[in-house]
Structure formats: structure tokens, C-alpha cells
Amino acid sequence: MKKLKVFAAPYLVWMIVFIAVPLLMVAYFAFTDDNGAFTVEHIANVGQYANIFIRSIWLALIATVICLIIAYPVAFMLSRMKKHHQGTMLMIVMLPMWMNFLLRTYAWMTLLGNNGLINYLFSLIGLGPFKLINTEGAVVLGMVYNYLPFMILPLYSVMVKIDKSVLEAASDLGCNSASTLFRVVIPLSVPGIMSGITMVFVPAISTFIISRMLGGGSNLLIGDLIEMQFLGNSYNPHLGAGISLVLMVIILLIMTIMNQFDPDDQVLI
């Protein structure tokens, strides 16, 4: 037992220094003014940015749903492949993550530009040019591209543990492909779905690089707003901390709602 405590000590120190202390600092700045006096003014002022919060939640939700729709069949096909093929395909899925995040987003700026490759291809068939960049659609596309692996991997890790004999048993008991999917595969993969949604939605709702580069600054999200308070001309760390605190509360509420989906309550057959 003592050895376990010794091994856990570095992790506890890490949590205190890099999680607990920053959270306490955010709470302190959110509820104090420039003189250090207690105030709720900054929390109250967050309400004037409700439209930005709504836009951020909406775009993050769209990106998360699209990621789930794309990732689910991909993860299922990966889980049913032979072992040596699974390793190769997983490497392909993870390959974009090995490149710099900014570099990947810059690539999409080039593709979506008014004189970019996509508009050039449209021009070959007499269409366009279309306004693809500096739009909400471009922001969602950037989110989906950058965060899709975070949806595929949790789903794959759960689906690969579903024994083929379970699917065969469902077929023997009269389930067709659709029934097997909705009554066996999906219920058993709920933990992966919840993990994937969390891993995509949380960074998507707080992103600022994607919205700045692909949204052109006209599609301001919560992450952009927070960055402006700490690094922009309108320097106001107290308001930035207040916005960050409200964002954390919103995310915690969403995660609490998601945790209500207990896979043990699902009926398989």
C-alpha cells in the first residue's frame, strides 16, 4: 500500500500544480476586481456574450454529430478487420495527428480559399467560385478534420472487444443486420460513444485557432473571446476568467447529462 502511495505521489503533485492551482487562479480572477476585492460583476457581464456561447455550442454540437456519423462505421469496420490490417489502418487514422495542428489548419485555408484547389476544380466544370473560407461551414469542417481521430479511437477500443460470437448469436436468434446494429452493437458501444463525444465536443467548443484561421474572425467563438481578454488589446483577465469559469460550468453540466446514459440499462436482445 505504501509503495502505491509513493508511485501515486508524482501524479498528485502534477494534479495540484497543473490542475488545482490554475482552477483556483481562474476562480480568484473571476470573482475579484483590479484591487482584489470580491465582485460578481465579471460573471454578470458574461451574459452579454450569450450569442457567442450559443454559436460555439451549436457549431461544436454539429461537428461532434458529424464526427460520430463518420467515425462509427469506420470504427466498426476497423474492429472487424484482421489484426495485422487493424494496425495499418489505425496508423493511417492517427497519421494526421502526427503533424502540427496549425499546419493542418493552414492546409485547409489553402484548399478552401477563393483561388484554392477546391474552387479550381469547380471552375473546371464551369461552377464557382464559391465562398468556402471565412464561413461557419469552414469552421465546422476544420473541427471535424482535426478531431475525427478522437472519435474513432474510443469507438474502436470498445468495438474491438465485442466478440464475433455475440453478433452470430444475435443472427441465430432472428436479428437482421439492422436489429443487430441497434439492439446489440450500439448498446455495447455506448461507453465508446460517450468517450468520443466528450473528446470531440470539449476541444471543439473551446477552440480558437480553427475559428480564427477558417472563420476569418467573423465567426467569433468562446475560445476567441477568452483569448482576446488575456492577449488582445482589450486586456481584461478578470472578464476572461469569468468567461472561462462559465464555460467550465457549461461543459460540466453537459458531461453530467451525458453520464446519465448508463449502458447497463440497455436491453441487448
C-alpha atoms as a PDB file:
ATOM      1  CA  MET A   1       0.000   0.000   0.000  1.00  0.00           C
ATOM      2  CA  LYS A   2       2.848   2.362   0.873  1.00  0.00           C
ATOM      3  CA  LYS A   3       4.526   1.611  -2.466  1.00  0.00           C
ATOM      4  CA  LEU A   4       1.312   2.519  -4.295  1.00  0.00           C
ATOM      5  CA  LYS A   5       1.201   5.860  -2.457  1.00  0.00           C
ATOM      6  CA  VAL A   6       4.808   6.548  -3.429  1.00  0.00           C
ATOM      7  CA  PHE A   7       4.093   5.838  -7.104  1.00  0.00           C
ATOM      8  CA  ALA A   8       0.955   7.992  -6.954  1.00  0.00           C
ATOM      9  CA  ALA A   9       2.796  10.970  -5.426  1.00  0.00           C
ATOM     10  CA  PRO A  10       4.125  12.417  -8.743  1.00  0.00           C
ATOM     11  CA  TYR A  11       0.639  12.223 -10.235  1.00  0.00           C
ATOM     12  CA  LEU A  12      -0.856  14.020  -7.224  1.00  0.00           C
ATOM     13  CA  VAL A  13       1.793  16.746  -7.462  1.00  0.00           C
ATOM     14  CA  TRP A  14       1.057  17.093 -11.168  1.00  0.00           C
ATOM     15  CA  MET A  15      -2.681  17.427 -10.482  1.00  0.00           C
ATOM     16  CA  ILE A  16      -2.140  20.051  -7.805  1.00  0.00           C
ATOM     17  CA  VAL A  17       0.330  22.168  -9.813  1.00  0.00           C
ATOM     18  CA  PHE A  18      -1.267  21.966 -13.255  1.00  0.00           C
ATOM     19  CA  ILE A  19      -4.968  21.423 -12.487  1.00  0.00           C
ATOM     20  CA  ALA A  20      -5.960  22.544  -8.997  1.00  0.00           C
ATOM     21  CA  VAL A  21      -3.808  25.700  -8.836  1.00  0.00           C
ATOM     22  CA  PRO A  22      -4.857  27.016 -12.300  1.00  0.00           C
ATOM     23  CA  LEU A  23      -8.520  26.379 -11.484  1.00  0.00           C
ATOM     24  CA  LEU A  24      -8.180  28.278  -8.217  1.00  0.00           C
ATOM     25  CA  MET A  25      -6.484  31.145 -10.058  1.00  0.00           C
ATOM     26  CA  VAL A  26      -9.310  31.272 -12.606  1.00  0.00           C
ATOM     27  CA  ALA A  27     -11.890  31.356  -9.804  1.00  0.00           C
ATOM     28  CA  TYR A  28      -9.925  34.065  -7.968  1.00  0.00           C
ATOM     29  CA  PHE A  29      -9.681  36.353 -11.003  1.00  0.00           C
ATOM     30  CA  ALA A  30     -13.335  35.724 -11.912  1.00  0.00           C
ATOM     31  CA  PHE A  31     -14.605  36.897  -8.514  1.00  0.00           C
ATOM     32  CA  THR A  32     -12.224  39.794  -7.831  1.00  0.00           C
ATOM     33  CA  ASP A  33     -11.602  43.236  -9.310  1.00  0.00           C
ATOM     34  CA  ASP A  34      -8.306  45.002 -10.022  1.00  0.00           C
ATOM     35  CA  ASN A  35      -7.913  45.787  -6.313  1.00  0.00           C
ATOM     36  CA  GLY A  36      -8.535  42.196  -5.232  1.00  0.00           C
ATOM     37  CA  ALA A  37     -11.981  42.942  -3.791  1.00  0.00           C
ATOM     38  CA  PHE A  38     -14.755  40.372  -4.173  1.00  0.00           C
ATOM     39  CA  THR A  39     -17.230  41.045  -7.013  1.00  0.00           C
ATOM     40  CA  VAL A  40     -19.626  39.156  -9.260  1.00  0.00           C
ATOM     41  CA  GLU A  41     -19.593  41.882 -11.910  1.00  0.00           C
ATOM     42  CA  HIS A  42     -17.452  39.875 -14.304  1.00  0.00           C
ATOM     43  CA  ILE A  43     -19.721  36.828 -14.081  1.00  0.00           C
ATOM     44  CA  ALA A  44     -22.738  39.069 -14.659  1.00  0.00           C
ATOM     45  CA  ASN A  45     -21.084  40.629 -17.711  1.00  0.00           C
ATOM     46  CA  VAL A  46     -20.720  37.206 -19.343  1.00  0.00           C
ATOM     47  CA  GLY A  47     -24.417  37.374 -20.252  1.00  0.00           C
ATOM     48  CA  GLN A  48     -23.758  39.979 -22.945  1.00  0.00           C
ATOM     49  CA  TYR A  49     -21.835  37.327 -24.888  1.00  0.00           C
ATOM     50  CA  ALA A  50     -24.712  34.822 -24.895  1.00  0.00           C
ATOM     51  CA  ASN A  51     -24.841  34.818 -28.700  1.00  0.00           C
ATOM     52  CA  ILE A  52     -21.186  33.737 -28.858  1.00  0.00           C
ATOM     53  CA  PHE A  53     -21.836  30.956 -26.345  1.00  0.00           C
ATOM     54  CA  ILE A  54     -24.817  29.752 -28.370  1.00  0.00           C
ATOM     55  CA  ARG A  55     -22.832  29.821 -31.617  1.00  0.00           C
ATOM     56  CA  SER A  56     -19.929  27.939 -30.028  1.00  0.00           C
ATOM     57  CA  ILE A  57     -22.180  25.240 -28.569  1.00  0.00           C
ATOM     58  CA  TRP A  58     -24.099  24.913 -31.835  1.00  0.00           C
ATOM     59  CA  LEU A  59     -21.031  24.572 -34.070  1.00  0.00           C
ATOM     60  CA  ALA A  60     -19.331  22.203 -31.619  1.00  0.00           C
ATOM     61  CA  LEU A  61     -22.507  20.092 -31.496  1.00  0.00           C
ATOM     62  CA  ILE A  62     -22.713  19.928 -35.308  1.00  0.00           C
ATOM     63  CA  ALA A  63     -19.049  18.948 -35.548  1.00  0.00           C
ATOM     64  CA  THR A  64     -19.493  16.275 -32.858  1.00  0.00           C
ATOM     65  CA  VAL A  65     -22.527  14.746 -34.593  1.00  0.00           C
ATOM     66  CA  ILE A  66     -20.736  14.696 -37.966  1.00  0.00           C
ATOM     67  CA  CYS A  67     -17.681  13.079 -36.343  1.00  0.00           C
ATOM     68  CA  LEU A  68     -19.909  10.417 -34.772  1.00  0.00           C
ATOM     69  CA  ILE A  69     -21.697   9.685 -38.053  1.00  0.00           C
ATOM     70  CA  ILE A  70     -18.388   9.312 -39.904  1.00  0.00           C
ATOM     71  CA  ALA A  71     -16.436   7.578 -37.150  1.00  0.00           C
ATOM     72  CA  TYR A  72     -18.984   4.929 -36.155  1.00  0.00           C
ATOM     73  CA  PRO A  73     -18.929   2.834 -39.358  1.00  0.00           C
ATOM     74  CA  VAL A  74     -15.169   3.409 -39.718  1.00  0.00           C
ATOM     75  CA  ALA A  75     -14.528   2.164 -36.180  1.00  0.00           C
ATOM     76  CA  PHE A  76     -16.808  -0.830 -36.695  1.00  0.00           C
ATOM     77  CA  MET A  77     -15.060  -1.842 -39.924  1.00  0.00           C
ATOM     78  CA  LEU A  78     -11.684  -1.435 -38.224  1.00  0.00           C
ATOM     79  CA  SER A  79     -12.764  -3.644 -35.323  1.00  0.00           C
ATOM     80  CA  ARG A  80     -13.861  -6.430 -37.695  1.00  0.00           C
ATOM     81  CA  MET A  81     -10.624  -6.464 -39.718  1.00  0.00           C
ATOM     82  CA  LYS A  82      -7.818  -8.947 -39.223  1.00  0.00           C
ATOM     83  CA  LYS A  83      -5.314  -7.975 -36.541  1.00  0.00           C
ATOM     84  CA  HIS A  84      -2.452  -7.048 -38.875  1.00  0.00           C
ATOM     85  CA  HIS A  85      -4.792  -4.930 -41.014  1.00  0.00           C
ATOM     86  CA  GLN A  86      -6.116  -3.147 -37.928  1.00  0.00           C
ATOM     87  CA  GLY A  87      -2.649  -1.891 -37.033  1.00  0.00           C
ATOM     88  CA  THR A  88      -2.098  -0.468 -40.509  1.00  0.00           C
ATOM     89  CA  MET A  89      -5.479   1.258 -40.633  1.00  0.00           C
ATOM     90  CA  LEU A  90      -5.084   2.687 -37.132  1.00  0.00           C
ATOM     91  CA  MET A  91      -1.761   4.176 -38.176  1.00  0.00           C
ATOM     92  CA  ILE A  92      -3.491   5.832 -41.148  1.00  0.00           C
ATOM     93  CA  VAL A  93      -6.192   7.227 -38.840  1.00  0.00           C
ATOM     94  CA  MET A  94      -3.590   8.607 -36.442  1.00  0.00           C
ATOM     95  CA  LEU A  95      -1.208   9.876 -39.138  1.00  0.00           C
ATOM     96  CA  PRO A  96      -2.723  13.403 -39.355  1.00  0.00           C
ATOM     97  CA  MET A  97      -2.268  13.753 -35.582  1.00  0.00           C
ATOM     98  CA  TRP A  98       1.486  13.445 -36.050  1.00  0.00           C
ATOM     99  CA  MET A  99       1.530  16.725 -37.959  1.00  0.00           C
ATOM    100  CA  ASN A 100       1.346  20.142 -36.360  1.00  0.00           C
ATOM    101  CA  PHE A 101      -2.194  21.355 -35.640  1.00  0.00           C
ATOM    102  CA  LEU A 102      -1.535  24.761 -37.210  1.00  0.00           C
ATOM    103  CA  LEU A 103      -0.027  23.178 -40.316  1.00  0.00           C
ATOM    104  CA  ARG A 104      -3.122  21.044 -40.857  1.00  0.00           C
ATOM    105  CA  THR A 105      -5.382  24.071 -40.489  1.00  0.00           C
ATOM    106  CA  TYR A 106      -3.224  26.139 -42.844  1.00  0.00           C
ATOM    107  CA  ALA A 107      -3.622  23.367 -45.414  1.00  0.00           C
ATOM    108  CA  TRP A 108      -7.395  23.786 -45.291  1.00  0.00           C
ATOM    109  CA  MET A 109      -7.003  27.551 -45.732  1.00  0.00           C
ATOM    110  CA  THR A 110      -5.198  26.833 -48.986  1.00  0.00           C
ATOM    111  CA  LEU A 111      -7.800  24.325 -50.123  1.00  0.00           C
ATOM    112  CA  LEU A 112     -10.825  26.475 -49.251  1.00  0.00           C
ATOM    113  CA  GLY A 113      -9.501  29.818 -50.485  1.00  0.00           C
ATOM    114  CA  ASN A 114     -11.230  31.729 -53.291  1.00  0.00           C
ATOM    115  CA  ASN A 115      -8.363  30.704 -55.562  1.00  0.00           C
ATOM    116  CA  GLY A 116      -7.806  27.417 -53.790  1.00  0.00           C
ATOM    117  CA  LEU A 117      -7.760  23.893 -55.129  1.00  0.00           C
ATOM    118  CA  ILE A 118     -11.453  23.159 -54.449  1.00  0.00           C
ATOM    119  CA  ASN A 119     -12.659  26.271 -56.290  1.00  0.00           C
ATOM    120  CA  TYR A 120     -10.204  25.492 -59.080  1.00  0.00           C
ATOM    121  CA  LEU A 121     -11.759  22.035 -59.508  1.00  0.00           C
ATOM    122  CA  PHE A 122     -15.233  23.600 -59.573  1.00  0.00           C
ATOM    123  CA  SER A 123     -14.071  26.048 -62.242  1.00  0.00           C
ATOM    124  CA  LEU A 124     -13.080  23.128 -64.488  1.00  0.00           C
ATOM    125  CA  ILE A 125     -16.746  22.146 -64.730  1.00  0.00           C
ATOM    126  CA  GLY A 126     -17.965  25.734 -65.008  1.00  0.00           C
ATOM    127  CA  LEU A 127     -19.010  26.281 -61.397  1.00  0.00           C
ATOM    128  CA  GLY A 128     -17.975  28.800 -58.779  1.00  0.00           C
ATOM    129  CA  PRO A 129     -16.038  30.373 -57.358  1.00  0.00           C
ATOM    130  CA  PHE A 130     -17.821  29.684 -54.077  1.00  0.00           C
ATOM    131  CA  LYS A 131     -17.181  31.377 -50.756  1.00  0.00           C
ATOM    132  CA  LEU A 132     -15.868  28.412 -48.794  1.00  0.00           C
ATOM    133  CA  ILE A 133     -13.493  30.032 -46.323  1.00  0.00           C
ATOM    134  CA  ASN A 134     -14.407  32.526 -43.578  1.00  0.00           C
ATOM    135  CA  THR A 135     -17.732  30.756 -43.052  1.00  0.00           C
ATOM    136  CA  GLU A 136     -19.279  28.691 -40.260  1.00  0.00           C
ATOM    137  CA  GLY A 137     -19.130  25.670 -42.562  1.00  0.00           C
ATOM    138  CA  ALA A 138     -15.356  26.055 -42.858  1.00  0.00           C
ATOM    139  CA  VAL A 139     -15.053  26.199 -39.071  1.00  0.00           C
ATOM    140  CA  VAL A 140     -17.112  23.010 -38.670  1.00  0.00           C
ATOM    141  CA  LEU A 141     -15.036  21.324 -41.390  1.00  0.00           C
ATOM    142  CA  GLY A 142     -11.839  22.254 -39.545  1.00  0.00           C
ATOM    143  CA  MET A 143     -13.239  20.842 -36.300  1.00  0.00           C
ATOM    144  CA  VAL A 144     -14.302  17.588 -37.951  1.00  0.00           C
ATOM    145  CA  TYR A 145     -10.962  17.112 -39.697  1.00  0.00           C
ATOM    146  CA  ASN A 146      -8.860  17.826 -36.600  1.00  0.00           C
ATOM    147  CA  TYR A 147     -10.956  15.978 -34.024  1.00  0.00           C
ATOM    148  CA  LEU A 148     -12.252  12.979 -36.015  1.00  0.00           C
ATOM    149  CA  PRO A 149      -9.484  10.626 -34.752  1.00  0.00           C
ATOM    150  CA  PHE A 150     -10.569  11.404 -31.189  1.00  0.00           C
ATOM    151  CA  MET A 151     -13.973   9.932 -32.049  1.00  0.00           C
ATOM    152  CA  ILE A 152     -12.693   6.921 -33.984  1.00  0.00           C
ATOM    153  CA  LEU A 153     -10.204   5.652 -31.400  1.00  0.00           C
ATOM    154  CA  PRO A 154     -12.570   5.379 -28.376  1.00  0.00           C
ATOM    155  CA  LEU A 155     -15.215   3.718 -30.543  1.00  0.00           C
ATOM    156  CA  TYR A 156     -12.678   1.279 -31.949  1.00  0.00           C
ATOM    157  CA  SER A 157     -11.302   0.416 -28.499  1.00  0.00           C
ATOM    158  CA  VAL A 158     -14.808  -0.602 -27.362  1.00  0.00           C
ATOM    159  CA  MET A 159     -15.980  -2.305 -30.565  1.00  0.00           C
ATOM    160  CA  VAL A 160     -12.882  -4.465 -30.881  1.00  0.00           C
ATOM    161  CA  LYS A 161     -13.880  -6.088 -27.582  1.00  0.00           C
ATOM    162  CA  ILE A 162     -17.285  -7.169 -28.935  1.00  0.00           C
ATOM    163  CA  ASP A 163     -16.938 -10.878 -29.579  1.00  0.00           C
ATOM    164  CA  LYS A 164     -17.993 -12.077 -33.017  1.00  0.00           C
ATOM    165  CA  SER A 165     -19.938 -14.871 -31.333  1.00  0.00           C
ATOM    166  CA  VAL A 166     -22.272 -12.228 -29.842  1.00  0.00           C
ATOM    167  CA  LEU A 167     -23.136 -10.959 -33.324  1.00  0.00           C
ATOM    168  CA  GLU A 168     -23.551 -14.550 -34.560  1.00  0.00           C
ATOM    169  CA  ALA A 169     -25.858 -15.315 -31.622  1.00  0.00           C
ATOM    170  CA  ALA A 170     -27.999 -12.301 -32.461  1.00  0.00           C
ATOM    171  CA  SER A 171     -28.276 -13.521 -36.041  1.00  0.00           C
ATOM    172  CA  ASP A 172     -29.198 -17.025 -34.885  1.00  0.00           C
ATOM    173  CA  LEU A 173     -31.930 -15.562 -32.685  1.00  0.00           C
ATOM    174  CA  GLY A 174     -33.553 -13.870 -35.683  1.00  0.00           C
ATOM    175  CA  CYS A 175     -31.949 -10.429 -35.781  1.00  0.00           C
ATOM    176  CA  ASN A 176     -31.303  -8.980 -39.197  1.00  0.00           C
ATOM    177  CA  SER A 177     -28.419  -6.557 -39.800  1.00  0.00           C
ATOM    178  CA  ALA A 178     -30.385  -3.502 -38.653  1.00  0.00           C
ATOM    179  CA  SER A 179     -31.638  -5.223 -35.492  1.00  0.00           C
ATOM    180  CA  THR A 180     -28.137  -6.428 -34.673  1.00  0.00           C
ATOM    181  CA  LEU A 181     -26.803  -2.908 -35.076  1.00  0.00           C
ATOM    182  CA  PHE A 182     -29.428  -1.153 -32.953  1.00  0.00           C
ATOM    183  CA  ARG A 183     -30.006  -3.858 -30.337  1.00  0.00           C
ATOM    184  CA  VAL A 184     -26.517  -5.286 -29.917  1.00  0.00           C
ATOM    185  CA  VAL A 185     -23.681  -3.235 -31.381  1.00  0.00           C
ATOM    186  CA  ILE A 186     -24.840   0.262 -30.418  1.00  0.00           C
ATOM    187  CA  PRO A 187     -25.786  -0.622 -26.795  1.00  0.00           C
ATOM    188  CA  LEU A 188     -22.437  -2.367 -26.298  1.00  0.00           C
ATOM    189  CA  SER A 189     -20.558   0.584 -27.783  1.00  0.00           C
ATOM    190  CA  VAL A 190     -22.266   3.283 -25.677  1.00  0.00           C
ATOM    191  CA  PRO A 191     -19.152   3.786 -23.477  1.00  0.00           C
ATOM    192  CA  GLY A 192     -17.096   4.463 -26.608  1.00  0.00           C
ATOM    193  CA  ILE A 193     -19.760   6.831 -27.932  1.00  0.00           C
ATOM    194  CA  MET A 194     -19.770   8.793 -24.666  1.00  0.00           C
ATOM    195  CA  SER A 195     -15.960   8.960 -24.554  1.00  0.00           C
ATOM    196  CA  GLY A 196     -15.770  10.015 -28.201  1.00  0.00           C
ATOM    197  CA  ILE A 197     -18.395  12.738 -27.780  1.00  0.00           C
ATOM    198  CA  THR A 198     -16.533  14.085 -24.759  1.00  0.00           C
ATOM    199  CA  MET A 199     -13.154  14.052 -26.508  1.00  0.00           C
ATOM    200  CA  VAL A 200     -14.547  15.901 -29.537  1.00  0.00           C
ATOM    201  CA  PHE A 201     -17.101  18.277 -28.022  1.00  0.00           C
ATOM    202  CA  VAL A 202     -14.892  19.709 -25.261  1.00  0.00           C
ATOM    203  CA  PRO A 203     -12.000  20.878 -27.501  1.00  0.00           C
ATOM    204  CA  ALA A 204     -14.425  21.896 -30.267  1.00  0.00           C
ATOM    205  CA  ILE A 205     -16.424  24.232 -28.044  1.00  0.00           C
ATOM    206  CA  SER A 206     -13.280  25.942 -26.726  1.00  0.00           C
ATOM    207  CA  THR A 207     -11.215  26.116 -29.917  1.00  0.00           C
ATOM    208  CA  PHE A 208      -9.919  29.448 -31.183  1.00  0.00           C
ATOM    209  CA  ILE A 209      -7.247  28.648 -33.779  1.00  0.00           C
ATOM    210  CA  ILE A 210      -9.714  26.942 -36.150  1.00  0.00           C
ATOM    211  CA  SER A 211     -12.312  29.707 -35.889  1.00  0.00           C
ATOM    212  CA  ARG A 212      -9.686  32.401 -36.407  1.00  0.00           C
ATOM    213  CA  MET A 213      -7.988  30.782 -39.406  1.00  0.00           C
ATOM    214  CA  LEU A 214     -11.002  29.266 -41.174  1.00  0.00           C
ATOM    215  CA  GLY A 215     -13.677  31.641 -39.856  1.00  0.00           C
ATOM    216  CA  GLY A 216     -11.706  34.772 -40.650  1.00  0.00           C
ATOM    217  CA  GLY A 217     -12.528  36.400 -37.321  1.00  0.00           C
ATOM    218  CA  SER A 218     -16.156  36.937 -38.350  1.00  0.00           C
ATOM    219  CA  ASN A 219     -17.288  33.728 -36.617  1.00  0.00           C
ATOM    220  CA  LEU A 220     -16.167  34.510 -33.073  1.00  0.00           C
ATOM    221  CA  LEU A 221     -16.272  31.575 -30.653  1.00  0.00           C
ATOM    222  CA  ILE A 222     -15.785  31.333 -26.900  1.00  0.00           C
ATOM    223  CA  GLY A 223     -12.113  30.445 -27.276  1.00  0.00           C
ATOM    224  CA  ASP A 224     -11.503  33.572 -29.357  1.00  0.00           C
ATOM    225  CA  LEU A 225     -13.311  35.700 -26.797  1.00  0.00           C
ATOM    226  CA  ILE A 226     -11.245  34.323 -23.905  1.00  0.00           C
ATOM    227  CA  GLU A 227      -8.002  34.796 -25.826  1.00  0.00           C
ATOM    228  CA  MET A 228      -8.934  38.425 -26.572  1.00  0.00           C
ATOM    229  CA  GLN A 229      -9.343  39.143 -22.857  1.00  0.00           C
ATOM    230  CA  PHE A 230      -5.898  37.771 -21.991  1.00  0.00           C
ATOM    231  CA  LEU A 231      -3.825  38.595 -25.086  1.00  0.00           C
ATOM    232  CA  GLY A 232      -5.796  41.143 -27.102  1.00  0.00           C
ATOM    233  CA  ASN A 233      -5.933  44.932 -26.961  1.00  0.00           C
ATOM    234  CA  SER A 234      -8.947  44.769 -24.640  1.00  0.00           C
ATOM    235  CA  TYR A 235      -6.867  43.180 -21.856  1.00  0.00           C
ATOM    236  CA  ASN A 236      -9.199  42.135 -19.048  1.00  0.00           C
ATOM    237  CA  PRO A 237      -8.082  38.915 -17.288  1.00  0.00           C
ATOM    238  CA  HIS A 238     -10.939  39.169 -14.784  1.00  0.00           C
ATOM    239  CA  LEU A 239     -13.587  39.050 -17.512  1.00  0.00           C
ATOM    240  CA  GLY A 240     -11.597  36.344 -19.327  1.00  0.00           C
ATOM    241  CA  ALA A 241     -11.520  34.272 -16.142  1.00  0.00           C
ATOM    242  CA  GLY A 242     -15.257  34.800 -15.680  1.00  0.00           C
ATOM    243  CA  ILE A 243     -15.979  33.607 -19.207  1.00  0.00           C
ATOM    244  CA  SER A 244     -13.673  30.608 -18.670  1.00  0.00           C
ATOM    245  CA  LEU A 245     -15.440  29.723 -15.430  1.00  0.00           C
ATOM    246  CA  VAL A 246     -18.884  29.890 -17.050  1.00  0.00           C
ATOM    247  CA  LEU A 247     -17.598  27.738 -19.924  1.00  0.00           C
ATOM    248  CA  MET A 248     -16.309  25.138 -17.454  1.00  0.00           C
ATOM    249  CA  VAL A 249     -19.688  25.050 -15.724  1.00  0.00           C
ATOM    250  CA  ILE A 250     -21.486  24.574 -19.063  1.00  0.00           C
ATOM    251  CA  ILE A 251     -19.149  21.728 -20.016  1.00  0.00           C
ATOM    252  CA  LEU A 252     -19.580  20.078 -16.611  1.00  0.00           C
ATOM    253  CA  LEU A 253     -23.369  20.292 -16.933  1.00  0.00           C
ATOM    254  CA  ILE A 254     -23.248  18.720 -20.403  1.00  0.00           C
ATOM    255  CA  MET A 255     -20.930  15.960 -19.185  1.00  0.00           C
ATOM    256  CA  THR A 256     -23.232  15.304 -16.202  1.00  0.00           C
ATOM    257  CA  ILE A 257     -26.198  14.907 -18.540  1.00  0.00           C
ATOM    258  CA  MET A 258     -24.205  12.527 -20.742  1.00  0.00           C
ATOM    259  CA  ASN A 259     -23.210  10.419 -17.732  1.00  0.00           C
ATOM    260  CA  GLN A 260     -26.884   9.671 -17.162  1.00  0.00           C
ATOM    261  CA  PHE A 261     -26.766   7.314 -20.141  1.00  0.00           C
ATOM    262  CA  ASP A 262     -25.907   4.108 -18.356  1.00  0.00           C
ATOM    263  CA  PRO A 263     -25.064   1.285 -20.784  1.00  0.00           C
ATOM    264  CA  ASP A 264     -26.031  -1.274 -18.136  1.00  0.00           C
ATOM    265  CA  ASP A 265     -29.654  -0.195 -18.565  1.00  0.00           C
ATOM    266  CA  GLN A 266     -29.677  -1.088 -22.259  1.00  0.00           C
ATOM    267  CA  VAL A 267     -31.562  -4.180 -23.409  1.00  0.00           C
ATOM    268  CA  LEU A 268     -29.477  -6.170 -25.867  1.00  0.00           C
ATOM    269  CA  ILE A 269     -31.802  -8.694 -27.417  1.00  0.00           C
END
